[in-house]
């Protein structure tokens, strides 16, 4: 009877465990669906996909959205990972071999060897060869990400404690500050954007455009970092650092200050909306700014007007001079006739 009761309890426990497991799985699936639905809604609100954002349980880098980030990822995956893996496996094999071959049971009398010239040469030369293999592509990557000589626009970035300021000098001097949107405001406004990453004034940039980034700071050292775009550079007070980016896909990209800059260091995020060139022009006009070609056209028109005015002034001066010369000539002729009549 006792065995029957024990068997019955075991079956109940098994059934309960299965039900709880099924409930946990369904809850996880539901939470996963809600999370992705929120992200999809956030991107659909502006017609943009959220690309550059950390994700729970993600492995690896954020999807590359610029040529420099793609080169970084290839450098990591195709060179660093094989070298690190090979080195780790080699060291592990050596450790296993030493443990098996030279433990006290197999090798009761240890060797007294203190030096081996060949081994010392090998473990000196091999790391040097590995460093040479790494330094060449590293320097190419650093040089490629340093700056662009074909910039189509410039974005000035200034770090403050604890927010970012932006200026578009090529678009009529558009400028604004970007602060963190608090979690309370996100909930109050049903804003699906991620907490600690959303800003009240996102940066808007056009895709397929070489963008020069000039960075400085007003108070302490900050660091402007956008992982999906391969951008991470210090903003230093009294100094301007330069890098560049070319965004290849429309979407929303998030980043943060990556330099310990004070108590609110973790609360100065970066939000970039990468849009088409047409939508970017619309945004510029909505900010009462102007596109570079419009500024150039206005400048050319002003220069033409000034040139026309100068030419008209010169023509009038020449005409006045000609009239004065004619008047002087007429006066001289009249004086000559009077003199001849007097004689």
Protein backbone atom coordinates (compact mmCIF):
# COMPACT_ATOMS: atom_id res chain seq x y z
CA UNK A 1 0.00 0.00 0.00
CA UNK A 2 2.88 2.31 0.91
CA UNK A 3 4.59 1.47 -2.36
CA UNK A 4 1.36 2.21 -4.26
CA UNK A 5 1.06 5.63 -2.55
CA UNK A 6 4.67 6.42 -3.32
CA UNK A 7 4.14 5.44 -6.94
CA UNK A 8 1.01 7.61 -7.13
CA UNK A 9 2.86 10.64 -5.69
CA UNK A 10 5.68 10.17 -8.16
CA UNK A 11 3.24 10.18 -11.06
CA UNK A 12 1.59 13.33 -9.74
CA UNK A 13 4.96 14.99 -9.34
CA UNK A 14 5.89 14.01 -12.87
CA UNK A 15 2.62 15.39 -14.24
CA UNK A 16 3.02 18.62 -12.26
CA UNK A 17 6.58 18.98 -13.47
CA UNK A 18 5.49 18.51 -17.10
CA UNK A 19 2.72 21.08 -16.72
CA UNK A 20 5.05 23.59 -15.10
CA UNK A 21 7.63 23.00 -17.84
CA UNK A 22 5.01 23.49 -20.55
CA UNK A 23 3.80 26.67 -18.84
CA UNK A 24 7.37 27.99 -18.61
CA UNK A 25 7.98 27.26 -22.29
CA UNK A 26 4.74 28.95 -23.34
CA UNK A 27 5.54 31.96 -21.14
CA UNK A 28 8.99 32.26 -22.69
CA UNK A 29 7.58 32.02 -26.21
CA UNK A 30 4.94 34.63 -25.38
CA UNK A 31 7.52 37.00 -23.85
CA UNK A 32 9.78 36.52 -26.87
CA UNK A 33 6.90 37.32 -29.21
CA UNK A 34 5.90 40.41 -27.24
CA UNK A 35 9.49 41.66 -27.21
CA UNK A 36 9.84 41.30 -30.97
CA UNK A 37 6.41 42.77 -31.56
CA UNK A 38 7.44 45.83 -29.53
CA UNK A 39 10.66 46.16 -31.49
CA UNK A 40 8.81 45.82 -34.79
CA UNK A 41 6.29 48.45 -33.67
CA UNK A 42 9.10 50.77 -32.63
CA UNK A 43 10.67 50.51 -36.05
CA UNK A 44 7.33 50.77 -37.85
CA UNK A 45 6.45 53.97 -35.97
CA UNK A 46 8.96 55.80 -38.12
CA UNK A 47 9.09 53.24 -40.89
CA UNK A 48 12.58 52.23 -39.75
CA UNK A 49 13.92 48.89 -38.62
CA UNK A 50 15.82 48.74 -35.33
CA UNK A 51 19.18 47.32 -36.33
CA UNK A 52 21.86 48.57 -33.94
CA UNK A 53 20.55 47.49 -30.55
CA UNK A 54 21.74 45.01 -27.89
CA UNK A 55 19.52 41.94 -27.62
CA UNK A 56 19.01 39.49 -24.78
CA UNK A 57 21.08 36.32 -25.10
CA UNK A 58 22.65 37.54 -28.33
CA UNK A 59 26.02 36.13 -29.32
CA UNK A 60 28.59 38.02 -31.38
CA UNK A 61 28.51 41.54 -32.75
CA UNK A 62 25.60 43.69 -33.81
CA UNK A 63 24.87 43.43 -37.57
CA UNK A 64 27.44 45.54 -39.47
CA UNK A 65 25.91 48.53 -41.23
CA UNK A 66 29.02 50.36 -42.46
CA UNK A 67 32.11 49.39 -44.49
CA UNK A 68 34.44 49.92 -41.53
CA UNK A 69 32.36 47.74 -39.19
CA UNK A 70 32.28 45.01 -41.86
CA UNK A 71 36.09 45.13 -42.09
CA UNK A 72 36.31 44.95 -38.28
CA UNK A 73 34.08 41.89 -38.19
CA UNK A 74 36.01 40.16 -40.98
CA UNK A 75 39.30 40.91 -39.22
CA UNK A 76 37.91 39.39 -36.02
CA UNK A 77 36.24 36.34 -37.55
CA UNK A 78 38.80 35.44 -40.20
CA UNK A 79 42.06 36.23 -38.41
CA UNK A 80 41.74 36.82 -34.67
CA UNK A 81 39.41 33.92 -33.89
CA UNK A 82 41.50 31.28 -35.77
CA UNK A 83 44.71 32.49 -34.11
CA UNK A 84 43.12 32.60 -30.64
CA UNK A 85 41.52 29.17 -31.14
CA UNK A 86 44.71 27.58 -32.43
CA UNK A 87 46.78 29.07 -29.59
CA UNK A 88 44.28 27.95 -26.94
CA UNK A 89 44.08 24.40 -28.32
CA UNK A 90 47.87 24.18 -28.60
CA UNK A 91 48.36 25.29 -24.98
CA UNK A 92 45.64 22.89 -23.83
CA UNK A 93 47.29 20.03 -25.70
CA UNK A 94 50.65 20.86 -24.10
CA UNK A 95 49.08 20.92 -20.63
CA UNK A 96 47.36 17.56 -21.19
CA UNK A 97 50.56 16.05 -22.58
CA UNK A 98 52.61 17.30 -19.61
CA UNK A 99 50.04 16.02 -17.10
CA UNK A 100 49.87 12.60 -18.74
CA UNK A 101 53.53 12.18 -19.63
CA UNK A 102 55.23 13.74 -16.62
CA UNK A 103 53.06 12.95 -13.61
CA UNK A 104 54.81 11.34 -10.63
CA UNK A 105 53.53 7.83 -11.41
CA UNK A 106 54.75 7.73 -15.00
CA UNK A 107 57.87 9.81 -14.45
CA UNK A 108 59.03 9.31 -10.84
CA UNK A 109 62.47 10.82 -11.54
CA UNK A 110 61.99 14.33 -13.01
CA UNK A 111 64.45 15.83 -15.44
CA UNK A 112 66.89 18.50 -14.22
CA UNK A 113 67.01 20.32 -17.59
CA UNK A 114 66.89 24.12 -17.14
CA UNK A 115 67.54 25.43 -20.65
CA UNK A 116 66.73 24.37 -24.20
CA UNK A 117 68.02 26.69 -26.88
CA UNK A 118 65.69 25.46 -29.61
CA UNK A 119 62.56 25.83 -27.44
CA UNK A 120 63.57 29.33 -26.36
CA UNK A 121 64.11 30.39 -29.98
CA UNK A 122 60.78 28.90 -31.04
CA UNK A 123 58.69 30.51 -28.28
CA UNK A 124 60.32 33.86 -29.08
CA UNK A 125 60.05 33.73 -32.86
CA UNK A 126 56.51 32.31 -33.13
CA UNK A 127 54.83 35.17 -31.15
CA UNK A 128 56.76 37.69 -33.26
CA UNK A 129 55.45 36.04 -36.45
CA UNK A 130 51.90 36.11 -35.05
CA UNK A 131 52.23 39.83 -34.21
CA UNK A 132 53.50 40.58 -37.71
CA UNK A 133 50.49 38.74 -39.16
CA UNK A 134 48.22 40.87 -36.98
CA UNK A 135 49.87 44.27 -37.33
CA UNK A 136 49.53 44.61 -41.11
CA UNK A 137 45.72 44.23 -41.34
CA UNK A 138 45.37 46.14 -38.04
CA UNK A 139 47.18 49.17 -39.43
CA UNK A 140 45.14 49.02 -42.65
CA UNK A 141 41.94 48.97 -40.62
CA UNK A 142 43.04 51.83 -38.38
CA UNK A 143 44.03 53.90 -41.41
CA UNK A 144 40.73 53.16 -43.20
CA UNK A 145 38.68 54.24 -40.17
CA UNK A 146 40.74 57.32 -39.39
CA UNK A 147 39.15 59.80 -41.82
CA UNK A 148 37.68 60.19 -45.27
CA UNK A 149 39.04 62.50 -47.95
CA UNK A 150 35.70 62.52 -49.79
CA UNK A 151 33.33 63.77 -47.08
CA UNK A 152 29.88 64.74 -48.37
CA UNK A 153 28.75 66.28 -45.08
CA UNK A 154 29.99 66.98 -41.55
CA UNK A 155 28.44 66.32 -38.15
CA UNK A 156 29.89 68.15 -35.15
CA UNK A 157 29.53 66.23 -31.87
CA UNK A 158 30.09 67.67 -28.40
CA UNK A 159 29.91 65.76 -25.14
CA UNK A 160 28.52 67.31 -21.98
CA UNK A 161 27.84 65.98 -18.48
CA UNK A 162 25.62 64.10 -19.24
CA UNK A 163 24.16 64.54 -22.72
CA UNK A 164 25.25 65.10 -26.31
CA UNK A 165 25.10 68.15 -28.55
CA UNK A 166 25.02 68.00 -32.36
CA UNK A 167 25.48 70.53 -35.15
CA UNK A 168 25.09 70.26 -38.93
CA UNK A 169 27.41 73.00 -40.29
CA UNK A 170 26.69 72.10 -43.94
CA UNK A 171 22.93 72.44 -43.49
CA UNK A 172 22.40 75.93 -42.23
CA UNK A 173 23.87 75.31 -38.79
CA UNK A 174 21.11 73.03 -37.45
CA UNK A 175 21.97 72.24 -33.82
CA UNK A 176 20.27 70.58 -30.86
CA UNK A 177 20.91 68.72 -27.61
CA UNK A 178 19.96 65.07 -27.07
CA UNK A 179 18.99 63.87 -23.59
CA UNK A 180 17.94 60.48 -22.26
CA UNK A 181 14.20 59.78 -22.29
CA UNK A 182 13.38 58.46 -18.82
CA UNK A 183 11.70 55.10 -18.34
CA UNK A 184 8.72 56.87 -16.75
CA UNK A 185 8.20 59.02 -19.86
CA UNK A 186 8.51 55.98 -22.12
CA UNK A 187 5.78 54.20 -20.17
CA UNK A 188 3.59 57.29 -19.90
CA UNK A 189 3.70 57.91 -23.66
CA UNK A 190 3.53 54.20 -24.61
CA UNK A 191 6.87 54.66 -26.33
CA UNK A 192 8.22 51.22 -27.35
CA UNK A 193 11.82 52.37 -27.66
CA UNK A 194 14.35 50.67 -25.35
CA UNK A 195 15.06 52.15 -21.93
CA UNK A 196 18.43 53.82 -21.36
CA UNK A 197 18.93 54.11 -25.14
CA UNK A 198 16.13 56.38 -26.40
CA UNK A 199 16.79 60.13 -26.73
CA UNK A 200 14.47 63.10 -27.09
CA UNK A 201 16.30 64.34 -30.21
CA UNK A 202 17.74 61.51 -32.32
CA UNK A 203 20.50 62.19 -34.83
CA UNK A 204 19.16 61.98 -38.40
CA UNK A 205 21.67 60.99 -41.08
CA UNK A 206 21.35 60.00 -44.75
CA UNK A 207 22.40 56.56 -45.96
CA UNK A 208 25.08 55.97 -48.61
CA UNK A 209 26.82 59.21 -47.68
CA UNK A 210 30.39 59.75 -46.47
CA UNK A 211 29.88 61.62 -43.19
CA UNK A 212 32.75 63.31 -41.39
CA UNK A 213 32.41 63.14 -37.58
CA UNK A 214 34.19 65.83 -35.57
CA UNK A 215 34.15 65.25 -31.80
CA UNK A 216 35.05 67.32 -28.78
CA UNK A 217 33.84 67.79 -25.20
CA UNK A 218 32.85 70.70 -22.99
CA UNK A 219 33.92 69.38 -19.60
CA UNK A 220 35.50 65.92 -19.24
CA UNK A 221 36.50 63.11 -21.61
CA UNK A 222 33.57 61.28 -23.17
CA UNK A 223 33.52 58.60 -25.88
CA UNK A 224 31.09 58.46 -28.81
CA UNK A 225 30.34 54.81 -29.57
CA UNK A 226 27.98 53.22 -32.10
CA UNK A 227 28.77 49.47 -32.23
CA UNK A 228 26.80 48.61 -35.39
CA UNK A 229 28.55 51.40 -37.31
CA UNK A 230 32.07 50.64 -36.08
CA UNK A 231 32.43 54.06 -34.45
CA UNK A 232 34.11 54.58 -31.09
CA UNK A 233 36.20 57.69 -30.48
CA UNK A 234 37.05 59.86 -27.49
CA UNK A 235 35.63 63.38 -27.21
CA UNK A 236 38.34 65.41 -25.44
CA UNK A 237 37.94 68.97 -24.09
CA UNK A 238 39.97 71.50 -26.06
CA UNK A 239 40.73 69.02 -28.85
CA UNK A 240 38.86 67.85 -31.94
CA UNK A 241 39.05 64.19 -32.96
CA UNK A 242 37.93 63.05 -36.39
CA UNK A 243 36.52 59.87 -37.85
CA UNK A 244 33.87 59.04 -40.44
CA UNK A 245 30.97 56.74 -41.16
CA UNK A 246 28.98 55.59 -44.16
CA UNK A 247 25.66 53.99 -43.23
CA UNK A 248 24.58 51.42 -45.80
CA UNK A 249 21.14 50.50 -44.50
CA UNK A 250 18.19 52.55 -43.30
CA UNK A 251 17.29 51.90 -39.69
CA UNK A 252 17.71 52.90 -36.05
CA UNK A 253 21.11 52.54 -34.40
CA UNK A 254 21.83 52.94 -30.70
CA UNK A 255 25.02 53.68 -28.83
CA UNK A 256 26.26 55.11 -25.54
CA UNK A 257 29.09 57.08 -24.01
CA UNK A 258 31.90 54.56 -23.50
CA UNK A 259 34.21 56.60 -21.27
CA UNK A 260 33.68 56.85 -17.52
CA UNK A 261 32.68 60.51 -17.30
CA UNK A 262 30.91 60.82 -13.95
CA UNK A 263 27.93 59.63 -11.97
CA UNK A 264 25.49 59.74 -14.92
CA UNK A 265 27.89 58.13 -17.38
CA UNK A 266 25.39 55.34 -18.07
CA UNK A 267 22.62 57.81 -18.92
CA UNK A 268 23.88 59.63 -22.02
CA UNK A 269 22.80 57.41 -24.92
CA UNK A 270 23.10 57.96 -28.67
CA UNK A 271 20.24 57.36 -31.10
CA UNK A 272 20.72 57.57 -34.86
CA UNK A 273 17.94 57.42 -37.44
CA UNK A 274 19.45 56.55 -40.80
CA UNK A 275 17.06 57.55 -43.58
CA UNK A 276 17.06 57.97 -47.34
CA UNK A 277 18.52 61.14 -48.82
CA UNK A 278 15.03 62.34 -49.74
CA UNK A 279 13.75 61.91 -46.17
CA UNK A 280 16.88 63.55 -44.83
CA UNK A 281 16.26 66.61 -47.01
CA UNK A 282 12.68 66.76 -45.69
CA UNK A 283 13.97 66.59 -42.12
CA UNK A 284 16.50 69.37 -42.81
CA UNK A 285 13.75 71.62 -44.15
CA UNK A 286 11.56 70.79 -41.14
CA UNK A 287 14.42 72.02 -38.91
CA UNK A 288 14.50 75.30 -40.88
CA UNK A 289 17.79 74.26 -42.41
CA UNK A 290 18.98 74.10 -45.99
CA UNK A 291 20.65 71.50 -48.15
CA UNK A 292 24.23 72.25 -49.29
CA UNK A 293 23.14 72.63 -52.91
CA UNK A 294 20.51 75.16 -51.85
CA UNK A 295 23.09 77.09 -49.85
CA UNK A 296 25.48 76.92 -52.82
CA UNK A 297 22.73 78.12 -55.19
CA UNK A 298 21.88 81.04 -52.87
CA UNK A 299 25.55 81.90 -52.57
CA UNK A 300 25.99 81.75 -56.35
CA UNK A 301 22.89 83.92 -56.81
CA UNK A 302 24.19 86.43 -54.24
CA UNK A 303 27.60 86.47 -55.92
CA UNK A 304 25.93 86.95 -59.32
CA UNK A 305 23.80 89.78 -57.95
CA UNK A 306 26.87 91.42 -56.42
CA UNK A 307 28.80 90.94 -59.67
CA UNK A 308 25.92 92.38 -61.69
CA UNK A 309 25.67 95.35 -59.33
CA UNK A 310 29.41 95.90 -59.56
CA UNK A 311 29.30 95.65 -63.36
CA UNK A 312 26.37 98.09 -63.49
CA UNK A 313 28.25 100.44 -61.20
CA UNK A 314 31.35 100.17 -63.37
CA UNK A 315 29.27 100.76 -66.51
CA UNK A 316 27.63 103.82 -64.93
CA UNK A 317 31.04 105.14 -63.83
CA UNK A 318 32.36 104.66 -67.36
CA UNK A 319 29.31 106.39 -68.82
CA UNK A 320 29.66 109.27 -66.37
CA UNK A 321 33.32 109.58 -67.21
CA UNK A 322 32.53 109.56 -70.92
CA UNK A 323 29.88 112.26 -70.40
CA UNK A 324 32.34 114.39 -68.43
CA UNK A 325 34.96 113.96 -71.14
CA UNK A 326 32.40 114.96 -73.80
CA UNK A 327 31.37 117.98 -71.70
CA UNK A 328 34.99 119.02 -71.25
CA UNK A 329 35.64 118.60 -74.96
CA UNK A 330 32.57 120.69 -75.79
CA UNK A 331 33.65 123.39 -73.36
CA UNK A 332 37.11 123.45 -74.86
CA UNK A 333 35.65 123.69 -78.38
CA UNK A 334 33.39 126.56 -77.33
CA UNK A 335 36.30 128.37 -75.72
CA UNK A 336 38.36 127.93 -78.91
CA UNK A 337 35.57 129.39 -81.06
CA UNK A 338 35.22 132.37 -78.75
CA UNK A 339 38.91 133.01 -78.90
CA UNK A 340 38.93 132.80 -82.72
CA UNK A 341 35.96 135.26 -82.95
CA UNK A 342 37.73 137.74 -80.73
CA UNK A 343 40.66 137.87 -83.05
